[in-house]
């Protein structure tokens, strides 16, 4: 496949945390009203939550 036959993807959204646009991110880019977050930043947030939870000695609450 040559360059002229590849679809051109426009940058339409960018992660509100790291600033990468939808063309630059690897994986998902989740868009909400006025805010977006990429998969890498989601994983980073999950790590922060678990580390904070371990330090506080709290358990993870479930419904």
PDB file of N, CA and C in Angstrom:
ATOM      1  N   UNK A   1       0.851  -1.173   0.000  1.00  0.00           N
ATOM      2  CA  UNK A   1       0.000   0.000   0.000  1.00  0.00           C
ATOM      3  C   UNK A   1       0.901   1.242   0.000  1.00  0.00           C
ATOM      4  N   UNK A   2       0.699   2.122  -0.937  1.00  0.00           N
ATOM      5  CA  UNK A   2       1.518   3.338  -0.985  1.00  0.00           C
ATOM      6  C   UNK A   2       0.852   4.466  -0.201  1.00  0.00           C
ATOM      7  N   UNK A   3       1.580   5.550   0.007  1.00  0.00           N
ATOM      8  CA  UNK A   3       1.092   6.649   0.833  1.00  0.00           C
ATOM      9  C   UNK A   3      -0.183   7.283   0.301  1.00  0.00           C
ATOM     10  N   UNK A   4      -0.372   7.315  -1.013  1.00  0.00           N
ATOM     11  CA  UNK A   4      -1.547   7.969  -1.574  1.00  0.00           C
ATOM     12  C   UNK A   4      -2.816   7.164  -1.345  1.00  0.00           C
ATOM     13  N   UNK A   5      -2.706   5.868  -1.091  1.00  0.00           N
ATOM     14  CA  UNK A   5      -3.888   5.049  -0.875  1.00  0.00           C
ATOM     15  C   UNK A   5      -4.275   4.928   0.600  1.00  0.00           C
ATOM     16  N   UNK A   6      -3.459   5.447   1.501  1.00  0.00           N
ATOM     17  CA  UNK A   6      -3.770   5.398   2.927  1.00  0.00           C
ATOM     18  C   UNK A   6      -4.766   6.498   3.278  1.00  0.00           C
ATOM     19  N   UNK A   7      -5.683   6.156   4.180  1.00  0.00           N
ATOM     20  CA  UNK A   7      -6.645   7.156   4.641  1.00  0.00           C
ATOM     21  C   UNK A   7      -5.933   8.178   5.508  1.00  0.00           C
ATOM     22  N   UNK A   8      -6.291   9.425   5.338  1.00  0.00           N
ATOM     23  CA  UNK A   8      -5.715  10.484   6.167  1.00  0.00           C
ATOM     24  C   UNK A   8      -6.673  10.729   7.324  1.00  0.00           C
ATOM     25  N   UNK A   9      -6.148  10.601   8.527  1.00  0.00           N
ATOM     26  CA  UNK A   9      -6.952  10.791   9.722  1.00  0.00           C
ATOM     27  C   UNK A   9      -6.637  12.158  10.306  1.00  0.00           C
ATOM     28  N   UNK A  10      -7.671  12.933  10.520  1.00  0.00           N
ATOM     29  CA  UNK A  10      -7.492  14.276  11.067  1.00  0.00           C
ATOM     30  C   UNK A  10      -7.491  14.232  12.586  1.00  0.00           C
ATOM     31  N   UNK A  11      -6.718  15.102  13.174  1.00  0.00           N
ATOM     32  CA  UNK A  11      -6.703  15.243  14.633  1.00  0.00           C
ATOM     33  C   UNK A  11      -7.960  15.998  15.041  1.00  0.00           C
ATOM     34  N   UNK A  12      -8.873  15.317  15.712  1.00  0.00           N
ATOM     35  CA  UNK A  12     -10.143  15.933  16.099  1.00  0.00           C
ATOM     36  C   UNK A  12     -10.283  16.124  17.597  1.00  0.00           C
ATOM     37  N   UNK A  13      -9.575  15.320  18.383  1.00  0.00           N
ATOM     38  CA  UNK A  13      -9.641  15.395  19.835  1.00  0.00           C
ATOM     39  C   UNK A  13      -8.235  15.274  20.404  1.00  0.00           C
ATOM     40  N   UNK A  14      -8.032  15.786  21.608  1.00  0.00           N
ATOM     41  CA  UNK A  14      -6.749  15.568  22.280  1.00  0.00           C
ATOM     42  C   UNK A  14      -6.982  15.281  23.750  1.00  0.00           C
ATOM     43  N   UNK A  15      -6.072  14.510  24.319  1.00  0.00           N
ATOM     44  CA  UNK A  15      -6.157  14.140  25.723  1.00  0.00           C
ATOM     45  C   UNK A  15      -5.999  15.400  26.578  1.00  0.00           C
ATOM     46  N   UNK A  16      -6.905  15.583  27.500  1.00  0.00           N
ATOM     47  CA  UNK A  16      -6.867  16.747  28.386  1.00  0.00           C
ATOM     48  C   UNK A  16      -5.731  16.664  29.400  1.00  0.00           C
ATOM     49  N   UNK A  17      -5.110  15.502  29.532  1.00  0.00           N
ATOM     50  CA  UNK A  17      -4.049  15.311  30.520  1.00  0.00           C
ATOM     51  C   UNK A  17      -2.660  15.419  29.895  1.00  0.00           C
ATOM     52  N   UNK A  18      -2.401  14.646  28.832  1.00  0.00           N
ATOM     53  CA  UNK A  18      -1.050  14.655  28.241  1.00  0.00           C
ATOM     54  C   UNK A  18      -0.954  15.507  26.984  1.00  0.00           C
ATOM     55  N   UNK A  19      -2.077  15.871  26.383  1.00  0.00           N
ATOM     56  CA  UNK A  19      -2.087  16.743  25.218  1.00  0.00           C
ATOM     57  C   UNK A  19      -1.938  16.052  23.873  1.00  0.00           C
ATOM     58  N   UNK A  20      -1.782  14.720  23.863  1.00  0.00           N
ATOM     59  CA  UNK A  20      -1.663  14.014  22.581  1.00  0.00           C
ATOM     60  C   UNK A  20      -3.027  13.969  21.903  1.00  0.00           C
ATOM     61  N   UNK A  21      -3.018  14.105  20.564  1.00  0.00           N
ATOM     62  CA  UNK A  21      -4.282  14.066  19.837  1.00  0.00           C
ATOM     63  C   UNK A  21      -4.637  12.633  19.437  1.00  0.00           C
ATOM     64  N   UNK A  22      -5.819  12.460  18.870  1.00  0.00           N
ATOM     65  CA  UNK A  22      -6.311  11.126  18.534  1.00  0.00           C
ATOM     66  C   UNK A  22      -5.437  10.399  17.519  1.00  0.00           C
ATOM     67  N   UNK A  23      -4.645  11.103  16.753  1.00  0.00           N
ATOM     68  CA  UNK A  23      -3.741  10.471  15.793  1.00  0.00           C
ATOM     69  C   UNK A  23      -2.478   9.976  16.507  1.00  0.00           C
ATOM     70  N   UNK A  24      -2.060  10.684  17.536  1.00  0.00           N
ATOM     71  CA  UNK A  24      -0.816  10.373  18.250  1.00  0.00           C
ATOM     72  C   UNK A  24      -0.962   9.273  19.296  1.00  0.00           C
ATOM     73  N   UNK A  25      -2.153   9.137  19.885  1.00  0.00           N
ATOM     74  CA  UNK A  25      -2.309   8.166  20.971  1.00  0.00           C
ATOM     75  C   UNK A  25      -2.352   6.746  20.434  1.00  0.00           C
ATOM     76  N   UNK A  26      -1.878   5.825  21.274  1.00  0.00           N
ATOM     77  CA  UNK A  26      -2.002   4.404  20.973  1.00  0.00           C
ATOM     78  C   UNK A  26      -3.112   3.879  21.862  1.00  0.00           C
ATOM     79  N   UNK A  27      -4.049   3.185  21.294  1.00  0.00           N
ATOM     80  CA  UNK A  27      -5.181   2.680  22.064  1.00  0.00           C
ATOM     81  C   UNK A  27      -6.340   3.655  22.003  1.00  0.00           C
ATOM     82  N   UNK A  28      -7.155   3.605  23.027  1.00  0.00           N
ATOM     83  CA  UNK A  28      -8.404   4.371  23.052  1.00  0.00           C
ATOM     84  C   UNK A  28      -8.187   5.816  23.487  1.00  0.00           C
ATOM     85  N   UNK A  29      -9.038   6.676  22.978  1.00  0.00           N
ATOM     86  CA  UNK A  29      -9.147   8.062  23.446  1.00  0.00           C
ATOM     87  C   UNK A  29     -10.617   8.259  23.787  1.00  0.00           C
ATOM     88  N   UNK A  30     -10.903   8.387  25.063  1.00  0.00           N
ATOM     89  CA  UNK A  30     -12.279   8.480  25.536  1.00  0.00           C
ATOM     90  C   UNK A  30     -12.678   9.953  25.590  1.00  0.00           C
ATOM     91  N   UNK A  31     -13.763  10.281  24.905  1.00  0.00           N
ATOM     92  CA  UNK A  31     -14.215  11.671  24.835  1.00  0.00           C
ATOM     93  C   UNK A  31     -15.508  11.839  25.613  1.00  0.00           C
ATOM     94  N   UNK A  32     -15.547  12.892  26.404  1.00  0.00           N
ATOM     95  CA  UNK A  32     -16.749  13.259  27.141  1.00  0.00           C
ATOM     96  C   UNK A  32     -17.077  14.708  26.846  1.00  0.00           C
ATOM     97  N   UNK A  33     -18.052  15.262  27.519  1.00  0.00           N
ATOM     98  CA  UNK A  33     -18.417  16.656  27.272  1.00  0.00           C
ATOM     99  C   UNK A  33     -17.295  17.614  27.695  1.00  0.00           C
ATOM    100  N   UNK A  34     -16.535  18.077  26.728  1.00  0.00           N
ATOM    101  CA  UNK A  34     -15.484  19.056  26.971  1.00  0.00           C
ATOM    102  C   UNK A  34     -14.172  18.499  27.496  1.00  0.00           C
ATOM    103  N   UNK A  35     -14.041  17.178  27.579  1.00  0.00           N
ATOM    104  CA  UNK A  35     -12.822  16.582  28.122  1.00  0.00           C
ATOM    105  C   UNK A  35     -12.562  15.236  27.449  1.00  0.00           C
ATOM    106  N   UNK A  36     -11.290  14.898  27.279  1.00  0.00           N
ATOM    107  CA  UNK A  36     -10.892  13.612  26.716  1.00  0.00           C
ATOM    108  C   UNK A  36      -9.744  13.053  27.546  1.00  0.00           C
ATOM    109  N   UNK A  37      -9.627  11.724  27.554  1.00  0.00           N
ATOM    110  CA  UNK A  37      -8.504  11.089  28.233  1.00  0.00           C
ATOM    111  C   UNK A  37      -8.077   9.865  27.426  1.00  0.00           C
ATOM    112  N   UNK A  38      -6.771   9.731  27.238  1.00  0.00           N
ATOM    113  CA  UNK A  38      -6.251   8.603  26.463  1.00  0.00           C
ATOM    114  C   UNK A  38      -6.039   7.395  27.367  1.00  0.00           C
ATOM    115  N   UNK A  39      -5.898   6.254  26.745  1.00  0.00           N
ATOM    116  CA  UNK A  39      -5.733   5.000  27.465  1.00  0.00           C
ATOM    117  C   UNK A  39      -4.524   5.023  28.398  1.00  0.00           C
ATOM    118  N   UNK A  40      -3.426   5.606  27.946  1.00  0.00           N
ATOM    119  CA  UNK A  40      -2.214   5.655  28.767  1.00  0.00           C
ATOM    120  C   UNK A  40      -2.448   6.471  30.036  1.00  0.00           C
ATOM    121  N   UNK A  41      -3.155   7.585  29.918  1.00  0.00           N
ATOM    122  CA  UNK A  41      -3.446   8.414  31.090  1.00  0.00           C
ATOM    123  C   UNK A  41      -4.442   7.727  32.019  1.00  0.00           C
ATOM    124  N   UNK A  42      -5.393   6.973  31.468  1.00  0.00           N
ATOM    125  CA  UNK A  42      -6.318   6.201  32.307  1.00  0.00           C
ATOM    126  C   UNK A  42      -5.524   5.220  33.154  1.00  0.00           C
ATOM    127  N   UNK A  43      -4.592   4.484  32.523  1.00  0.00           N
ATOM    128  CA  UNK A  43      -3.780   3.522  33.267  1.00  0.00           C
ATOM    129  C   UNK A  43      -2.946   4.220  34.336  1.00  0.00           C
ATOM    130  N   UNK A  44      -2.427   5.398  34.026  1.00  0.00           N
ATOM    131  CA  UNK A  44      -1.669   6.168  35.009  1.00  0.00           C
ATOM    132  C   UNK A  44      -2.538   6.559  36.196  1.00  0.00           C
ATOM    133  N   UNK A  45      -3.774   6.950  35.932  1.00  0.00           N
ATOM    134  CA  UNK A  45      -4.702   7.307  37.004  1.00  0.00           C
ATOM    135  C   UNK A  45      -5.027   6.104  37.874  1.00  0.00           C
ATOM    136  N   UNK A  46      -5.225   4.953  37.244  1.00  0.00           N
ATOM    137  CA  UNK A  46      -5.514   3.729  37.998  1.00  0.00           C
ATOM    138  C   UNK A  46      -4.350   3.398  38.929  1.00  0.00           C
ATOM    139  N   UNK A  47      -3.123   3.538  38.449  1.00  0.00           N
ATOM    140  CA  UNK A  47      -1.943   3.293  39.295  1.00  0.00           C
ATOM    141  C   UNK A  47      -1.935   4.227  40.495  1.00  0.00           C
ATOM    142  N   UNK A  48      -2.212   5.497  40.272  1.00  0.00           N
ATOM    143  CA  UNK A  48      -2.240   6.485  41.361  1.00  0.00           C
ATOM    144  C   UNK A  48      -3.300   6.111  42.391  1.00  0.00           C
ATOM    145  N   UNK A  49      -4.475   5.708  41.935  1.00  0.00           N
ATOM    146  CA  UNK A  49      -5.559   5.341  42.845  1.00  0.00           C
ATOM    147  C   UNK A  49      -5.167   4.136  43.693  1.00  0.00           C
ATOM    148  N   UNK A  50      -4.601   3.102  43.066  1.00  0.00           N
ATOM    149  CA  UNK A  50      -4.209   1.913  43.818  1.00  0.00           C
ATOM    150  C   UNK A  50      -3.080   2.206  44.801  1.00  0.00           C
ATOM    151  N   UNK A  51      -2.101   3.021  44.400  1.00  0.00           N
ATOM    152  CA  UNK A  51      -1.010   3.389  45.310  1.00  0.00           C
ATOM    153  C   UNK A  51      -1.546   4.174  46.503  1.00  0.00           C
ATOM    154  N   UNK A  52      -2.454   5.092  46.255  1.00  0.00           N
ATOM    155  CA  UNK A  52      -3.050   5.889  47.317  1.00  0.00           C
ATOM    156  C   UNK A  52      -3.862   5.001  48.257  1.00  0.00           C
ATOM    157  N   UNK A  53      -4.575   4.061  47.686  1.00  0.00           N
ATOM    158  CA  UNK A  53      -5.390   3.143  48.471  1.00  0.00           C
ATOM    159  C   UNK A  53      -4.513   2.264  49.366  1.00  0.00           C
ATOM    160  N   UNK A  54      -3.379   1.804  48.836  1.00  0.00           N
ATOM    161  CA  UNK A  54      -2.465   0.978  49.622  1.00  0.00           C
ATOM    162  C   UNK A  54      -1.863   1.766  50.781  1.00  0.00           C
ATOM    163  N   UNK A  55      -1.495   3.026  50.519  1.00  0.00           N
ATOM    164  CA  UNK A  55      -0.890   3.864  51.555  1.00  0.00           C
ATOM    165  C   UNK A  55      -1.888   4.180  52.679  1.00  0.00           C
ATOM    166  N   UNK A  56      -3.149   4.350  52.310  1.00  0.00           N
ATOM    167  CA  UNK A  56      -4.156   4.695  53.313  1.00  0.00           C
ATOM    168  C   UNK A  56      -4.689   3.471  54.037  1.00  0.00           C
ATOM    169  N   UNK A  57      -4.345   2.275  53.519  1.00  0.00           N
ATOM    170  CA  UNK A  57      -4.803   1.051  54.154  1.00  0.00           C
ATOM    171  C   UNK A  57      -6.266   0.741  53.908  1.00  0.00           C
ATOM    172  N   UNK A  58      -6.868   1.494  52.997  1.00  0.00           N
ATOM    173  CA  UNK A  58      -8.283   1.281  52.720  1.00  0.00           C
ATOM    174  C   UNK A  58      -8.516   0.170  51.716  1.00  0.00           C
ATOM    175  N   UNK A  59      -9.674  -0.355  51.763  1.00  0.00           N
ATOM    176  CA  UNK A  59     -10.082  -1.357  50.790  1.00  0.00           C
ATOM    177  C   UNK A  59     -10.786  -0.702  49.626  1.00  0.00           C
ATOM    178  N   UNK A  60     -10.897  -1.396  48.546  1.00  0.00           N
ATOM    179  CA  UNK A  60     -11.615  -0.875  47.392  1.00  0.00           C
ATOM    180  C   UNK A  60     -13.087  -1.131  47.603  1.00  0.00           C
ATOM    181  N   UNK A  61     -13.877  -0.059  47.539  1.00  0.00           N
ATOM    182  CA  UNK A  61     -15.316  -0.183  47.755  1.00  0.00           C
ATOM    183  C   UNK A  61     -15.993  -0.625  46.484  1.00  0.00           C
ATOM    184  N   UNK A  62     -16.930  -1.539  46.617  1.00  0.00           N
ATOM    185  CA  UNK A  62     -17.747  -1.976  45.494  1.00  0.00           C
ATOM    186  C   UNK A  62     -19.211  -1.840  45.893  1.00  0.00           C
ATOM    187  N   UNK A  63     -20.047  -1.726  44.906  1.00  0.00           N
ATOM    188  CA  UNK A  63     -21.491  -1.595  45.180  1.00  0.00           C
ATOM    189  C   UNK A  63     -22.121  -2.937  45.299  1.00  0.00           C
TER     190      UNK A  63
END
